[in-house]
Amino acid sequence: MIRVVLPAHLRVLAGVRGEVALDVPEPVTLAAVLDALEARHPVLRGTIRDRATGRRRAFVRFFACEEDLSHDPPGTPLPAPVTAGDEPFMVVGAMAGG
């Protein structure tokens, strides 16, 4: 079971409270988790990744085990603590401005 933490605005949009628990088949990659998340909560399609290209939105970041995975390829396997359910996969809204 993969635990996914979403920012508040995406939790509201998806109608969830707290973490989202997902069953993701092996291999557990960045793309596989996002595919499972969007399949379970179709309203999130296009909010985290561009619908046409599948690329991460500019102001969205991905973290796991205190590592920034935002620029990793979609096929990157997630760390073992995330796949074991010990640590969450985090989708974070980046901040910008001055």
N, C-alpha and C. Protein backbone atom coordinates (compact mmCIF):
# COMPACT_ATOMS: atom_id res chain seq x y z
N MET A 1 0.85 -1.18 0.00
CA MET A 1 0.00 0.00 0.00
C MET A 1 0.89 1.24 0.00
N ILE A 2 0.70 2.09 -0.97
CA ILE A 2 1.46 3.34 -1.08
C ILE A 2 0.65 4.46 -0.44
N ARG A 3 1.29 5.21 0.43
CA ARG A 3 0.64 6.35 1.08
C ARG A 3 1.01 7.62 0.32
N VAL A 4 0.00 8.38 -0.09
CA VAL A 4 0.23 9.61 -0.84
C VAL A 4 -0.33 10.78 -0.05
N VAL A 5 0.50 11.79 0.13
CA VAL A 5 0.09 13.02 0.81
C VAL A 5 -0.09 14.09 -0.27
N LEU A 6 -1.26 14.68 -0.31
CA LEU A 6 -1.58 15.72 -1.28
C LEU A 6 -1.65 17.07 -0.58
N PRO A 7 -1.38 18.17 -1.33
CA PRO A 7 -1.58 19.49 -0.74
C PRO A 7 -3.08 19.73 -0.50
N ALA A 8 -3.38 20.63 0.38
CA ALA A 8 -4.76 20.88 0.81
C ALA A 8 -5.72 21.12 -0.34
N HIS A 9 -5.33 21.92 -1.32
CA HIS A 9 -6.26 22.24 -2.41
C HIS A 9 -6.58 21.01 -3.26
N LEU A 10 -5.64 20.08 -3.41
CA LEU A 10 -5.92 18.86 -4.17
C LEU A 10 -6.73 17.86 -3.34
N ARG A 11 -6.54 17.86 -2.02
CA ARG A 11 -7.39 17.02 -1.17
C ARG A 11 -8.84 17.46 -1.26
N VAL A 12 -9.06 18.78 -1.23
CA VAL A 12 -10.42 19.31 -1.35
C VAL A 12 -11.01 18.93 -2.70
N LEU A 13 -10.26 19.13 -3.76
CA LEU A 13 -10.72 18.81 -5.10
C LEU A 13 -11.09 17.33 -5.23
N ALA A 14 -10.25 16.46 -4.66
CA ALA A 14 -10.48 15.01 -4.74
C ALA A 14 -11.50 14.53 -3.71
N GLY A 15 -11.82 15.36 -2.73
CA GLY A 15 -12.78 14.97 -1.70
C GLY A 15 -12.23 13.96 -0.73
N VAL A 16 -10.95 14.11 -0.38
CA VAL A 16 -10.31 13.19 0.57
C VAL A 16 -9.82 13.95 1.79
N ARG A 17 -9.66 13.21 2.86
CA ARG A 17 -9.08 13.77 4.09
C ARG A 17 -7.83 12.96 4.41
N GLY A 18 -6.78 13.63 4.78
CA GLY A 18 -5.55 12.94 5.13
C GLY A 18 -4.88 12.31 3.92
N GLU A 19 -4.19 11.21 4.18
CA GLU A 19 -3.44 10.51 3.13
C GLU A 19 -4.37 9.69 2.24
N VAL A 20 -3.91 9.45 1.02
CA VAL A 20 -4.59 8.56 0.10
C VAL A 20 -3.77 7.27 0.06
N ALA A 21 -4.42 6.13 0.29
CA ALA A 21 -3.74 4.83 0.23
C ALA A 21 -4.06 4.19 -1.11
N LEU A 22 -3.00 3.77 -1.82
CA LEU A 22 -3.16 3.20 -3.15
C LEU A 22 -2.48 1.84 -3.26
N ASP A 23 -3.12 0.93 -3.95
CA ASP A 23 -2.48 -0.32 -4.34
C ASP A 23 -1.85 -0.07 -5.70
N VAL A 24 -0.55 -0.19 -5.77
CA VAL A 24 0.18 0.06 -7.01
C VAL A 24 0.95 -1.20 -7.36
N PRO A 25 0.75 -1.74 -8.56
CA PRO A 25 1.48 -2.95 -8.95
C PRO A 25 2.97 -2.67 -9.13
N GLU A 26 3.76 -3.72 -8.98
CA GLU A 26 5.21 -3.62 -9.19
C GLU A 26 5.48 -3.41 -10.67
N PRO A 27 6.50 -2.73 -11.05
CA PRO A 27 7.38 -1.93 -10.21
C PRO A 27 6.70 -0.62 -9.81
N VAL A 28 6.93 -0.21 -8.59
CA VAL A 28 6.33 1.02 -8.08
C VAL A 28 7.22 2.19 -8.50
N THR A 29 6.77 2.87 -9.53
CA THR A 29 7.51 4.01 -10.06
C THR A 29 6.72 5.29 -9.82
N LEU A 30 7.38 6.39 -10.07
CA LEU A 30 6.73 7.69 -9.96
C LEU A 30 5.49 7.73 -10.85
N ALA A 31 5.62 7.31 -12.10
CA ALA A 31 4.49 7.31 -13.04
C ALA A 31 3.38 6.37 -12.59
N ALA A 32 3.74 5.19 -12.07
CA ALA A 32 2.74 4.21 -11.64
C ALA A 32 1.89 4.76 -10.49
N VAL A 33 2.52 5.46 -9.56
CA VAL A 33 1.79 6.04 -8.43
C VAL A 33 0.84 7.13 -8.93
N LEU A 34 1.33 8.00 -9.81
CA LEU A 34 0.48 9.06 -10.34
C LEU A 34 -0.65 8.50 -11.20
N ASP A 35 -0.37 7.45 -11.97
CA ASP A 35 -1.42 6.80 -12.75
C ASP A 35 -2.51 6.24 -11.84
N ALA A 36 -2.10 5.57 -10.76
CA ALA A 36 -3.06 4.98 -9.82
C ALA A 36 -3.86 6.08 -9.11
N LEU A 37 -3.20 7.17 -8.75
CA LEU A 37 -3.87 8.29 -8.09
C LEU A 37 -4.92 8.91 -9.01
N GLU A 38 -4.57 9.12 -10.26
CA GLU A 38 -5.51 9.72 -11.21
C GLU A 38 -6.63 8.75 -11.58
N ALA A 39 -6.35 7.45 -11.57
CA ALA A 39 -7.40 6.47 -11.86
C ALA A 39 -8.42 6.44 -10.73
N ARG A 40 -7.95 6.55 -9.51
CA ARG A 40 -8.84 6.52 -8.35
C ARG A 40 -9.59 7.83 -8.17
N HIS A 41 -8.93 8.93 -8.51
CA HIS A 41 -9.52 10.27 -8.38
C HIS A 41 -9.39 10.99 -9.71
N PRO A 42 -10.25 10.67 -10.68
CA PRO A 42 -10.14 11.26 -12.02
C PRO A 42 -10.17 12.78 -12.05
N VAL A 43 -10.75 13.39 -11.05
CA VAL A 43 -10.80 14.86 -11.01
C VAL A 43 -9.39 15.46 -10.92
N LEU A 44 -8.41 14.67 -10.51
CA LEU A 44 -7.04 15.16 -10.39
C LEU A 44 -6.28 15.14 -11.72
N ARG A 45 -6.85 14.49 -12.74
CA ARG A 45 -6.18 14.45 -14.05
C ARG A 45 -5.99 15.87 -14.57
N GLY A 46 -4.76 16.17 -14.92
CA GLY A 46 -4.44 17.50 -15.43
C GLY A 46 -4.03 18.49 -14.36
N THR A 47 -4.17 18.14 -13.10
CA THR A 47 -3.79 19.07 -12.03
C THR A 47 -2.34 18.85 -11.58
N ILE A 48 -1.88 17.63 -11.64
CA ILE A 48 -0.52 17.29 -11.20
C ILE A 48 0.40 17.16 -12.41
N ARG A 49 -0.13 16.55 -13.48
CA ARG A 49 0.62 16.38 -14.73
C ARG A 49 -0.22 16.95 -15.87
N ASP A 50 0.46 17.45 -16.86
CA ASP A 50 -0.21 17.93 -18.07
C ASP A 50 -0.89 16.76 -18.75
N ARG A 51 -2.14 16.91 -19.12
CA ARG A 51 -2.90 15.81 -19.75
C ARG A 51 -2.29 15.36 -21.07
N ALA A 52 -1.81 16.28 -21.87
CA ALA A 52 -1.29 15.94 -23.19
C ALA A 52 0.10 15.32 -23.14
N THR A 53 0.98 15.88 -22.33
CA THR A 53 2.37 15.43 -22.33
C THR A 53 2.71 14.49 -21.18
N GLY A 54 1.92 14.53 -20.12
CA GLY A 54 2.22 13.72 -18.94
C GLY A 54 3.32 14.31 -18.07
N ARG A 55 3.81 15.49 -18.43
CA ARG A 55 4.88 16.12 -17.66
C ARG A 55 4.33 16.81 -16.42
N ARG A 56 5.14 16.83 -15.38
CA ARG A 56 4.78 17.47 -14.11
C ARG A 56 4.47 18.94 -14.34
N ARG A 57 3.42 19.42 -13.67
CA ARG A 57 3.09 20.84 -13.72
C ARG A 57 4.21 21.65 -13.07
N ALA A 58 4.40 22.86 -13.53
CA ALA A 58 5.53 23.70 -13.10
C ALA A 58 5.60 23.92 -11.60
N PHE A 59 4.47 24.11 -10.94
CA PHE A 59 4.51 24.44 -9.51
C PHE A 59 4.09 23.27 -8.63
N VAL A 60 4.39 22.07 -9.10
CA VAL A 60 4.14 20.86 -8.33
C VAL A 60 5.47 20.14 -8.15
N ARG A 61 5.72 19.66 -6.94
CA ARG A 61 6.96 18.95 -6.64
C ARG A 61 6.61 17.60 -6.04
N PHE A 62 7.54 16.63 -6.16
CA PHE A 62 7.37 15.29 -5.61
C PHE A 62 8.51 15.00 -4.64
N PHE A 63 8.17 14.46 -3.47
CA PHE A 63 9.17 14.12 -2.47
C PHE A 63 8.90 12.73 -1.91
N ALA A 64 9.97 12.02 -1.59
CA ALA A 64 9.90 10.73 -0.91
C ALA A 64 11.18 10.56 -0.11
N CYS A 65 11.03 10.17 1.13
CA CYS A 65 12.18 9.94 2.02
C CYS A 65 13.12 11.15 2.03
N GLU A 66 12.53 12.33 2.12
CA GLU A 66 13.26 13.59 2.19
C GLU A 66 14.08 13.88 0.94
N GLU A 67 13.76 13.24 -0.18
CA GLU A 67 14.44 13.48 -1.45
C GLU A 67 13.47 14.11 -2.43
N ASP A 68 13.97 15.09 -3.18
CA ASP A 68 13.17 15.74 -4.22
C ASP A 68 13.24 14.88 -5.48
N LEU A 69 12.11 14.32 -5.89
CA LEU A 69 12.04 13.47 -7.07
C LEU A 69 11.42 14.20 -8.26
N SER A 70 11.24 15.49 -8.13
CA SER A 70 10.51 16.28 -9.12
C SER A 70 11.10 16.22 -10.52
N HIS A 71 12.40 16.11 -10.62
CA HIS A 71 13.05 16.11 -11.93
C HIS A 71 13.48 14.72 -12.38
N ASP A 72 13.13 13.71 -11.61
CA ASP A 72 13.47 12.33 -11.97
C ASP A 72 12.56 11.85 -13.11
N PRO A 73 13.05 10.95 -13.95
CA PRO A 73 12.21 10.40 -15.02
C PRO A 73 11.01 9.65 -14.44
N PRO A 74 9.89 9.61 -15.18
CA PRO A 74 8.67 8.96 -14.68
C PRO A 74 8.86 7.48 -14.31
N GLY A 75 9.81 6.81 -14.93
CA GLY A 75 10.04 5.40 -14.64
C GLY A 75 10.93 5.14 -13.44
N THR A 76 11.29 6.17 -12.72
CA THR A 76 12.15 6.02 -11.55
C THR A 76 11.44 5.24 -10.45
N PRO A 77 12.05 4.13 -9.98
CA PRO A 77 11.44 3.39 -8.87
C PRO A 77 11.46 4.23 -7.60
N LEU A 78 10.39 4.12 -6.82
CA LEU A 78 10.33 4.84 -5.55
C LEU A 78 11.15 4.10 -4.50
N PRO A 79 11.67 4.81 -3.50
CA PRO A 79 12.48 4.20 -2.46
C PRO A 79 11.71 3.09 -1.72
N ALA A 80 12.44 2.11 -1.23
CA ALA A 80 11.85 0.96 -0.53
C ALA A 80 10.94 1.35 0.63
N PRO A 81 11.30 2.34 1.47
CA PRO A 81 10.39 2.70 2.56
C PRO A 81 9.02 3.19 2.07
N VAL A 82 8.97 3.79 0.88
CA VAL A 82 7.70 4.24 0.32
C VAL A 82 6.91 3.03 -0.18
N THR A 83 7.57 2.13 -0.88
CA THR A 83 6.87 0.95 -1.41
C THR A 83 6.39 0.03 -0.30
N ALA A 84 7.07 0.08 0.85
CA ALA A 84 6.67 -0.73 2.00
C ALA A 84 5.56 -0.06 2.81
N GLY A 85 5.26 1.20 2.51
CA GLY A 85 4.22 1.92 3.24
C GLY A 85 4.72 2.57 4.52
N ASP A 86 6.04 2.54 4.74
CA ASP A 86 6.60 3.14 5.95
C ASP A 86 6.73 4.66 5.83
N GLU A 87 6.95 5.14 4.62
CA GLU A 87 7.09 6.57 4.36
C GLU A 87 6.11 6.96 3.26
N PRO A 88 5.59 8.19 3.31
CA PRO A 88 4.65 8.62 2.26
C PRO A 88 5.36 9.16 1.03
N PHE A 89 4.65 9.13 -0.07
CA PHE A 89 5.03 9.85 -1.29
C PHE A 89 4.28 11.16 -1.20
N MET A 90 4.99 12.28 -1.34
CA MET A 90 4.36 13.58 -1.13
C MET A 90 4.30 14.39 -2.42
N VAL A 91 3.11 14.90 -2.71
CA VAL A 91 2.90 15.85 -3.79
C VAL A 91 2.78 17.21 -3.11
N VAL A 92 3.65 18.12 -3.48
CA VAL A 92 3.72 19.41 -2.80
C VAL A 92 3.56 20.54 -3.79
N GLY A 93 2.75 21.52 -3.44
CA GLY A 93 2.63 22.72 -4.25
C GLY A 93 3.81 23.62 -3.99
N ALA A 94 4.61 23.91 -5.02
CA ALA A 94 5.78 24.76 -4.85
C ALA A 94 5.36 26.20 -4.65
N MET A 95 6.21 26.94 -3.96
CA MET A 95 5.92 28.35 -3.72
C MET A 95 6.83 29.19 -4.60
N ALA A 96 6.31 30.29 -5.07
CA ALA A 96 7.10 31.20 -5.90
C ALA A 96 6.73 32.63 -5.53
N GLY A 97 7.56 33.52 -5.92
CA GLY A 97 7.28 34.92 -5.65
C GLY A 97 8.37 35.56 -4.83
N GLY A 98 8.19 36.78 -4.52
CA GLY A 98 9.24 37.46 -3.81
C GLY A 98 8.78 38.37 -2.74
